[in-house]
C-alpha atoms as a PDB file:
ATOM      1  CA  MET A   1     192.826 233.565  45.637  1.00  0.00           C
ATOM      2  CA  ALA A   2     193.516 230.885  48.222  1.00  0.00           C
ATOM      3  CA  ASP A   3     195.679 231.665  51.232  1.00  0.00           C
ATOM      4  CA  ARG A   4     197.116 228.111  51.399  1.00  0.00           C
ATOM      5  CA  LEU A   5     198.617 225.740  48.828  1.00  0.00           C
ATOM      6  CA  LYS A   6     198.734 221.944  48.978  1.00  0.00           C
ATOM      7  CA  ILE A   7     201.993 220.731  47.458  1.00  0.00           C
ATOM      8  CA  THR A   8     202.479 217.043  46.630  1.00  0.00           C
ATOM      9  CA  LEU A   9     205.724 215.363  45.547  1.00  0.00           C
ATOM     10  CA  ILE A  10     204.903 213.333  42.421  1.00  0.00           C
ATOM     11  CA  LYS A  11     208.370 212.513  41.048  1.00  0.00           C
ATOM     12  CA  SER A  12     211.538 211.240  42.669  1.00  0.00           C
ATOM     13  CA  THR A  13     214.440 213.542  43.442  1.00  0.00           C
ATOM     14  CA  ILE A  14     216.926 210.817  42.487  1.00  0.00           C
ATOM     15  CA  GLY A  15     219.008 212.256  39.681  1.00  0.00           C
ATOM     16  CA  ALA A  16     217.727 215.782  40.271  1.00  0.00           C
ATOM     17  CA  VAL A  17     220.034 218.767  40.557  1.00  0.00           C
ATOM     18  CA  PRO A  18     221.284 219.122  44.170  1.00  0.00           C
ATOM     19  CA  LYS A  19     219.682 222.577  44.412  1.00  0.00           C
ATOM     20  CA  ASN A  20     216.298 221.048  43.512  1.00  0.00           C
ATOM     21  CA  LYS A  21     216.755 218.274  46.083  1.00  0.00           C
ATOM     22  CA  ALA A  22     217.465 220.881  48.746  1.00  0.00           C
ATOM     23  CA  THR A  23     214.387 222.880  47.756  1.00  0.00           C
ATOM     24  CA  VAL A  24     212.127 219.820  48.005  1.00  0.00           C
ATOM     25  CA  GLU A  25     213.603 218.984  51.422  1.00  0.00           C
ATOM     26  CA  ALA A  26     213.104 222.586  52.590  1.00  0.00           C
ATOM     27  CA  MET A  27     209.434 222.319  51.638  1.00  0.00           C
ATOM     28  CA  GLY A  28     209.154 219.349  53.986  1.00  0.00           C
ATOM     29  CA  LEU A  29     208.625 216.721  51.291  1.00  0.00           C
ATOM     30  CA  ARG A  30     210.447 213.442  51.909  1.00  0.00           C
ATOM     31  CA  LYS A  31     208.557 210.715  50.008  1.00  0.00           C
ATOM     32  CA  ILE A  32     206.640 210.490  46.745  1.00  0.00           C
ATOM     33  CA  GLY A  33     202.932 211.017  47.301  1.00  0.00           C
ATOM     34  CA  LYS A  34     203.329 212.999  50.516  1.00  0.00           C
ATOM     35  CA  SER A  35     201.764 216.451  50.749  1.00  0.00           C
ATOM     36  CA  VAL A  36     202.356 219.612  52.741  1.00  0.00           C
ATOM     37  CA  GLU A  37     200.324 222.784  53.149  1.00  0.00           C
ATOM     38  CA  MET A  38     202.211 226.033  52.769  1.00  0.00           C
ATOM     39  CA  PRO A  39     201.143 229.678  52.712  1.00  0.00           C
ATOM     40  CA  ASN A  40     200.410 231.223  49.322  1.00  0.00           C
ATOM     41  CA  ASN A  41     203.163 233.860  49.247  1.00  0.00           C
ATOM     42  CA  GLU A  42     205.993 234.884  46.965  1.00  0.00           C
ATOM     43  CA  ALA A  43     208.622 232.777  48.758  1.00  0.00           C
ATOM     44  CA  THR A  44     206.561 229.620  48.385  1.00  0.00           C
ATOM     45  CA  LYS A  45     205.772 230.391  44.749  1.00  0.00           C
ATOM     46  CA  GLY A  46     209.500 230.798  44.058  1.00  0.00           C
ATOM     47  CA  MET A  47     210.239 227.396  45.600  1.00  0.00           C
ATOM     48  CA  ILE A  48     207.463 225.819  43.534  1.00  0.00           C
ATOM     49  CA  GLN A  49     208.807 227.439  40.364  1.00  0.00           C
ATOM     50  CA  GLN A  50     212.237 225.837  40.965  1.00  0.00           C
ATOM     51  CA  VAL A  51     210.799 222.311  41.280  1.00  0.00           C
ATOM     52  CA  ARG A  52     207.603 222.558  39.226  1.00  0.00           C
ATOM     53  CA  HIS A  53     208.523 219.388  37.317  1.00  0.00           C
ATOM     54  CA  LEU A  54     208.595 217.358  40.557  1.00  0.00           C
ATOM     55  CA  VAL A  55     205.475 218.595  42.370  1.00  0.00           C
ATOM     56  CA  LYS A  56     201.735 219.065  41.942  1.00  0.00           C
ATOM     57  CA  VAL A  57     200.129 222.192  43.426  1.00  0.00           C
ATOM     58  CA  GLU A  58     196.501 222.713  44.458  1.00  0.00           C
ATOM     59  CA  GLU A  59     194.825 225.739  46.016  1.00  0.00           C
ATOM     60  CA  ILE A  60     193.002 225.088  49.247  1.00  0.00           C
END
């Protein structure tokens, strides 16, 4: 199990639920195609679960 996750925004947040927009912003994603590395923990997995239709996740 990897200790880090690479999360990439693949769909726009335009038209998304405000809660989902806030979650994407909290992850540090601002533009489509940009990626961030986050720790592989329960909090991060919960954020990913909320916006799974907008992001792509890879284990590092």
